[in-house]
PDB file of N, CA and C in Angstrom:
ATOM      1  N   MET A   1     -12.288   1.024  22.868  1.00  0.00           N
ATOM      2  CA  MET A   1     -13.653   1.255  21.599  1.00  0.00           C
ATOM      3  C   MET A   1     -12.292   1.913  20.718  1.00  0.00           C
ATOM      4  N   ARG A   2     -11.263   2.509  20.975  1.00  0.00           N
ATOM      5  CA  ARG A   2     -10.880   3.712  20.316  1.00  0.00           C
ATOM      6  C   ARG A   2     -10.216   3.205  19.528  1.00  0.00           C
ATOM      7  N   PHE A   3     -10.063   2.077  19.902  1.00  0.00           N
ATOM      8  CA  PHE A   3      -8.692   1.047  18.433  1.00  0.00           C
ATOM      9  C   PHE A   3      -9.926   0.310  17.615  1.00  0.00           C
ATOM     10  N   ALA A   4     -10.621  -0.224  18.392  1.00  0.00           N
ATOM     11  CA  ALA A   4     -11.492  -0.783  17.273  1.00  0.00           C
ATOM     12  C   ALA A   4     -11.583   0.215  15.673  1.00  0.00           C
ATOM     13  N   GLY A   5     -11.446   1.635  15.572  1.00  0.00           N
ATOM     14  CA  GLY A   5     -11.345   1.679  14.662  1.00  0.00           C
ATOM     15  C   GLY A   5     -10.300   1.920  13.891  1.00  0.00           C
ATOM     16  N   LEU A   6      -8.442   1.512  14.123  1.00  0.00           N
ATOM     17  CA  LEU A   6      -7.946   1.468  14.060  1.00  0.00           C
ATOM     18  C   LEU A   6      -7.978   0.091  13.187  1.00  0.00           C
ATOM     19  N   GLY A   7      -7.832  -1.067  13.949  1.00  0.00           N
ATOM     20  CA  GLY A   7      -8.339  -2.507  13.336  1.00  0.00           C
ATOM     21  C   GLY A   7      -8.811  -2.215  12.124  1.00  0.00           C
ATOM     22  N   THR A   8      -9.973  -1.278  12.313  1.00  0.00           N
ATOM     23  CA  THR A   8     -10.389  -1.303  10.944  1.00  0.00           C
ATOM     24  C   THR A   8     -10.046  -0.765   9.418  1.00  0.00           C
ATOM     25  N   THR A   9      -9.839   0.125   9.743  1.00  0.00           N
ATOM     26  CA  THR A   9      -8.823   0.818   8.986  1.00  0.00           C
ATOM     27  C   THR A   9      -8.052   0.054   8.443  1.00  0.00           C
ATOM     28  N   LEU A  10      -7.320  -0.177   8.987  1.00  0.00           N
ATOM     29  CA  LEU A  10      -5.814  -1.913   9.096  1.00  0.00           C
ATOM     30  C   LEU A  10      -6.862  -2.673   8.128  1.00  0.00           C
ATOM     31  N   ALA A  11      -7.473  -3.195   8.369  1.00  0.00           N
ATOM     32  CA  ALA A  11      -7.842  -4.551   7.622  1.00  0.00           C
ATOM     33  C   ALA A  11      -8.682  -3.734   6.362  1.00  0.00           C
ATOM     34  N   ALA A  12      -9.475  -2.421   6.083  1.00  0.00           N
ATOM     35  CA  ALA A  12      -9.774  -1.825   4.702  1.00  0.00           C
ATOM     36  C   ALA A  12      -8.866  -1.790   3.645  1.00  0.00           C
ATOM     37  N   SER A  13      -7.626  -1.092   4.596  1.00  0.00           N
ATOM     38  CA  SER A  13      -6.632  -0.768   3.317  1.00  0.00           C
ATOM     39  C   SER A  13      -5.783  -2.459   2.779  1.00  0.00           C
ATOM     40  N   ILE A  14      -6.022  -3.101   3.553  1.00  0.00           N
ATOM     41  CA  ILE A  14      -5.151  -4.363   3.266  1.00  0.00           C
ATOM     42  C   ILE A  14      -6.220  -5.232   1.874  1.00  0.00           C
ATOM     43  N   GLY A  15      -7.711  -4.896   2.267  1.00  0.00           N
ATOM     44  CA  GLY A  15      -8.737  -5.115   1.592  1.00  0.00           C
ATOM     45  C   GLY A  15      -8.774  -4.969   0.848  1.00  0.00           C
ATOM     46  N   LEU A  16      -8.214  -3.501   0.410  1.00  0.00           N
ATOM     47  CA  LEU A  16      -8.555  -2.492  -0.895  1.00  0.00           C
ATOM     48  C   LEU A  16      -7.607  -2.958  -1.566  1.00  0.00           C
ATOM     49  N   GLY A  17      -6.332  -3.288  -1.363  1.00  0.00           N
ATOM     50  CA  GLY A  17      -4.988  -3.105  -1.503  1.00  0.00           C
ATOM     51  C   GLY A  17      -5.307  -4.411  -2.861  1.00  0.00           C
ATOM     52  N   ALA A  18      -5.879  -5.656  -1.882  1.00  0.00           N
ATOM     53  CA  ALA A  18      -5.626  -6.954  -2.488  1.00  0.00           C
ATOM     54  C   ALA A  18      -6.526  -6.855  -4.012  1.00  0.00           C
ATOM     55  N   ILE A  19      -8.029  -6.409  -3.267  1.00  0.00           N
ATOM     56  CA  ILE A  19      -9.392  -6.304  -4.023  1.00  0.00           C
ATOM     57  C   ILE A  19      -8.912  -5.283  -5.714  1.00  0.00           C
ATOM     58  N   GLY A  20      -7.912  -4.438  -5.397  1.00  0.00           N
ATOM     59  CA  GLY A  20      -7.638  -3.648  -6.477  1.00  0.00           C
ATOM     60  C   GLY A  20      -6.739  -4.195  -7.321  1.00  0.00           C
ATOM     61  N   GLY A  21      -5.651  -5.396  -6.812  1.00  0.00           N
ATOM     62  CA  GLY A  21      -4.789  -6.157  -7.152  1.00  0.00           C
ATOM     63  C   GLY A  21      -5.277  -7.052  -7.973  1.00  0.00           C
ATOM     64  N   ARG A  22      -6.459  -7.630  -7.469  1.00  0.00           N
ATOM     65  CA  ARG A  22      -7.320  -8.871  -8.499  1.00  0.00           C
ATOM     66  C   ARG A  22      -7.408  -8.189  -9.710  1.00  0.00           C
ATOM     67  N   LYS A  23      -8.164  -7.354  -9.330  1.00  0.00           N
ATOM     68  CA  LYS A  23      -8.806  -6.883 -10.638  1.00  0.00           C
ATOM     69  C   LYS A  23      -7.980  -6.067 -11.643  1.00  0.00           C
ATOM     70  N   LEU A  24      -7.167  -5.878 -11.175  1.00  0.00           N
ATOM     71  CA  LEU A  24      -5.725  -5.810 -12.046  1.00  0.00           C
ATOM     72  C   LEU A  24      -4.639  -7.218 -12.808  1.00  0.00           C
ATOM     73  N   ASP A  25      -4.945  -8.117 -11.804  1.00  0.00           N
ATOM     74  CA  ASP A  25      -4.743  -9.235 -12.114  1.00  0.00           C
ATOM     75  C   ASP A  25      -5.416 -10.114 -13.014  1.00  0.00           C
ATOM     76  N   GLU A  26      -6.443  -9.996 -13.004  1.00  0.00           N
ATOM     77  CA  GLU A  26      -7.666 -10.097 -14.030  1.00  0.00           C
ATOM     78  C   GLU A  26      -7.446  -9.825 -15.535  1.00  0.00           C
ATOM     79  N   TYR A  27      -7.800  -8.334 -15.307  1.00  0.00           N
ATOM     80  CA  TYR A  27      -7.215  -7.407 -16.373  1.00  0.00           C
ATOM     81  C   TYR A  27      -6.457  -7.855 -17.274  1.00  0.00           C
ATOM     82  N   PHE A  28      -5.397  -8.285 -17.093  1.00  0.00           N
ATOM     83  CA  PHE A  28      -4.002  -8.370 -17.814  1.00  0.00           C
ATOM     84  C   PHE A  28      -3.553  -9.703 -17.851  1.00  0.00           C
ATOM     85  N   ALA A  29      -4.833 -10.550 -17.765  1.00  0.00           N
ATOM     86  CA  ALA A  29      -4.790 -11.919 -16.809  1.00  0.00           C
ATOM     87  C   ALA A  29      -3.730 -13.062 -16.968  1.00  0.00           C
ATOM     88  N   LEU A  30      -3.140 -12.391 -15.458  1.00  0.00           N
ATOM     89  CA  LEU A  30      -1.505 -12.929 -15.172  1.00  0.00           C
ATOM     90  C   LEU A  30      -2.083 -14.336 -14.748  1.00  0.00           C
ATOM     91  N   GLU A  31      -1.394 -15.028 -14.982  1.00  0.00           N
ATOM     92  CA  GLU A  31      -1.180 -16.714 -13.913  1.00  0.00           C
ATOM     93  C   GLU A  31      -1.283 -16.537 -12.809  1.00  0.00           C
ATOM     94  N   LYS A  32      -0.183 -15.732 -12.493  1.00  0.00           N
ATOM     95  CA  LYS A  32       0.150 -15.629 -10.711  1.00  0.00           C
ATOM     96  C   LYS A  32      -0.501 -14.150 -10.102  1.00  0.00           C
ATOM     97  N   PRO A  33      -0.816 -14.248  -9.023  1.00  0.00           N
ATOM     98  CA  PRO A  33      -1.294 -13.034  -8.821  1.00  0.00           C
ATOM     99  C   PRO A  33      -0.188 -12.338  -8.164  1.00  0.00           C
ATOM    100  N   LEU A  34       0.793 -11.836  -8.387  1.00  0.00           N
ATOM    101  CA  LEU A  34       1.753 -10.810  -8.461  1.00  0.00           C
ATOM    102  C   LEU A  34       0.806  -9.870  -8.383  1.00  0.00           C
ATOM    103  N   VAL A  35       0.337  -9.197  -8.887  1.00  0.00           N
ATOM    104  CA  VAL A  35      -0.272  -7.938  -8.290  1.00  0.00           C
ATOM    105  C   VAL A  35      -0.922  -7.860  -7.004  1.00  0.00           C
ATOM    106  N   THR A  36      -2.114  -8.937  -7.526  1.00  0.00           N
ATOM    107  CA  THR A  36      -2.882  -8.914  -5.614  1.00  0.00           C
ATOM    108  C   THR A  36      -1.828  -8.781  -4.375  1.00  0.00           C
ATOM    109  N   ALA A  37      -0.427  -9.814  -4.678  1.00  0.00           N
ATOM    110  CA  ALA A  37      -0.153  -9.358  -3.285  1.00  0.00           C
ATOM    111  C   ALA A  37       0.845  -8.973  -3.079  1.00  0.00           C
ATOM    112  N   ALA A  38       1.244  -7.809  -4.347  1.00  0.00           N
ATOM    113  CA  ALA A  38       1.896  -6.298  -4.412  1.00  0.00           C
ATOM    114  C   ALA A  38       0.444  -5.205  -3.752  1.00  0.00           C
ATOM    115  N   GLY A  39      -0.300  -5.188  -3.875  1.00  0.00           N
ATOM    116  CA  GLY A  39      -1.860  -3.997  -3.842  1.00  0.00           C
ATOM    117  C   GLY A  39      -1.673  -4.624  -2.284  1.00  0.00           C
ATOM    118  N   ALA A  40      -2.259  -6.287  -1.753  1.00  0.00           N
ATOM    119  CA  ALA A  40      -2.201  -6.321  -0.586  1.00  0.00           C
ATOM    120  C   ALA A  40      -0.785  -6.112   0.508  1.00  0.00           C
ATOM    121  N   LEU A  41       0.412  -5.873  -0.276  1.00  0.00           N
ATOM    122  CA  LEU A  41       0.972  -4.940   1.270  1.00  0.00           C
ATOM    123  C   LEU A  41       1.795  -4.031   0.462  1.00  0.00           C
ATOM    124  N   LEU A  42       0.735  -3.295  -0.187  1.00  0.00           N
ATOM    125  CA  LEU A  42       0.608  -1.822  -0.037  1.00  0.00           C
ATOM    126  C   LEU A  42       0.216  -1.534   0.571  1.00  0.00           C
ATOM    127  N   GLY A  43      -1.323  -1.870   0.771  1.00  0.00           N
ATOM    128  CA  GLY A  43      -2.452  -1.854   1.482  1.00  0.00           C
ATOM    129  C   GLY A  43      -2.147  -1.817   3.050  1.00  0.00           C
ATOM    130  N   LEU A  44      -1.252  -2.709   3.732  1.00  0.00           N
ATOM    131  CA  LEU A  44      -0.277  -2.779   4.446  1.00  0.00           C
ATOM    132  C   LEU A  44       0.051  -1.452   5.155  1.00  0.00           C
ATOM    133  N   ALA A  45       1.568  -1.361   4.271  1.00  0.00           N
ATOM    134  CA  ALA A  45       1.831  -0.297   4.374  1.00  0.00           C
ATOM    135  C   ALA A  45       0.984   1.369   4.648  1.00  0.00           C
ATOM    136  N   ILE A  46       0.297   0.836   3.826  1.00  0.00           N
ATOM    137  CA  ILE A  46      -1.014   2.375   3.724  1.00  0.00           C
ATOM    138  C   ILE A  46      -1.588   2.253   5.245  1.00  0.00           C
ATOM    139  N   GLY A  47      -2.145   0.975   5.621  1.00  0.00           N
ATOM    140  CA  GLY A  47      -2.577   0.985   6.921  1.00  0.00           C
ATOM    141  C   GLY A  47      -2.053   1.097   8.266  1.00  0.00           C
ATOM    142  N   MET A  48      -1.053   0.843   8.089  1.00  0.00           N
ATOM    143  CA  MET A  48       0.063   0.503   9.226  1.00  0.00           C
ATOM    144  C   MET A  48       0.810   2.207   9.217  1.00  0.00           C
ATOM    145  N   TRP A  49       0.871   3.033   8.249  1.00  0.00           N
ATOM    146  CA  TRP A  49       1.246   4.042   8.400  1.00  0.00           C
ATOM    147  C   TRP A  49      -0.016   5.361   8.968  1.00  0.00           C
ATOM    148  N   SER A  50      -1.266   5.167   8.653  1.00  0.00           N
ATOM    149  CA  SER A  50      -2.558   5.640   9.290  1.00  0.00           C
ATOM    150  C   SER A  50      -2.368   5.008  10.972  1.00  0.00           C
ATOM    151  N   VAL A  51      -2.245   4.111  10.280  1.00  0.00           N
ATOM    152  CA  VAL A  51      -2.528   3.766  13.118  1.00  0.00           C
ATOM    153  C   VAL A  51      -1.272   4.564  13.703  1.00  0.00           C
ATOM    154  N   LEU A  52      -0.580   4.420  12.922  1.00  0.00           N
ATOM    155  CA  LEU A  52       1.157   4.360  13.369  1.00  0.00           C
ATOM    156  C   LEU A  52       0.316   6.477  14.041  1.00  0.00           C
ATOM    157  N   ARG A  53       0.441   6.935  12.983  1.00  0.00           N
ATOM    158  CA  ARG A  53      -0.100   8.511  12.585  1.00  0.00           C
ATOM    159  C   ARG A  53      -1.225   8.609  13.683  1.00  0.00           C
ATOM    160  N   ASN A  54      -1.816   8.084  13.887  1.00  0.00           N
ATOM    161  CA  ASN A  54      -2.970   7.682  14.359  1.00  0.00           C
ATOM    162  C   ASN A  54      -2.999   7.451  16.065  1.00  0.00           C
ATOM    163  N   ILE A  55      -2.032   7.111  16.312  1.00  0.00           N
ATOM    164  CA  ILE A  55      -1.734   6.469  17.531  1.00  0.00           C
ATOM    165  C   ILE A  55      -0.399   7.478  18.425  1.00  0.00           C
ATOM    166  N   LYS A  56       0.350   7.719  17.432  1.00  0.00           N
ATOM    167  CA  LYS A  56       0.789   9.043  18.604  1.00  0.00           C
ATOM    168  C   LYS A  56       0.105  10.124  18.552  1.00  0.00           C
ATOM    169  N   SER A  57      -1.073  10.708  17.656  1.00  0.00           N
ATOM    170  CA  SER A  57      -1.918  11.923  17.628  1.00  0.00           C
ATOM    171  C   SER A  57      -2.878  11.395  19.349  1.00  0.00           C
ATOM    172  N   MET A  58      -2.390  10.676  19.405  1.00  0.00           N
ATOM    173  CA  MET A  58      -3.694  10.585  20.632  1.00  0.00           C
ATOM    174  C   MET A  58      -2.662  10.842  21.963  1.00  0.00           C
TER     175      MET A  58
END
């Protein structure tokens, strides 16, 4: 149960990055979803950093 929250944190970080990137892609009317991909990768990096930080503190 302790690690269920970590998975949710990781999923939320990736999801928020992708949603934010998609909004920016729509705002700038980009043909390819480049900002969506970058946002998802940034969310992955932030989520992994958060998960690893929490695991080390346990």
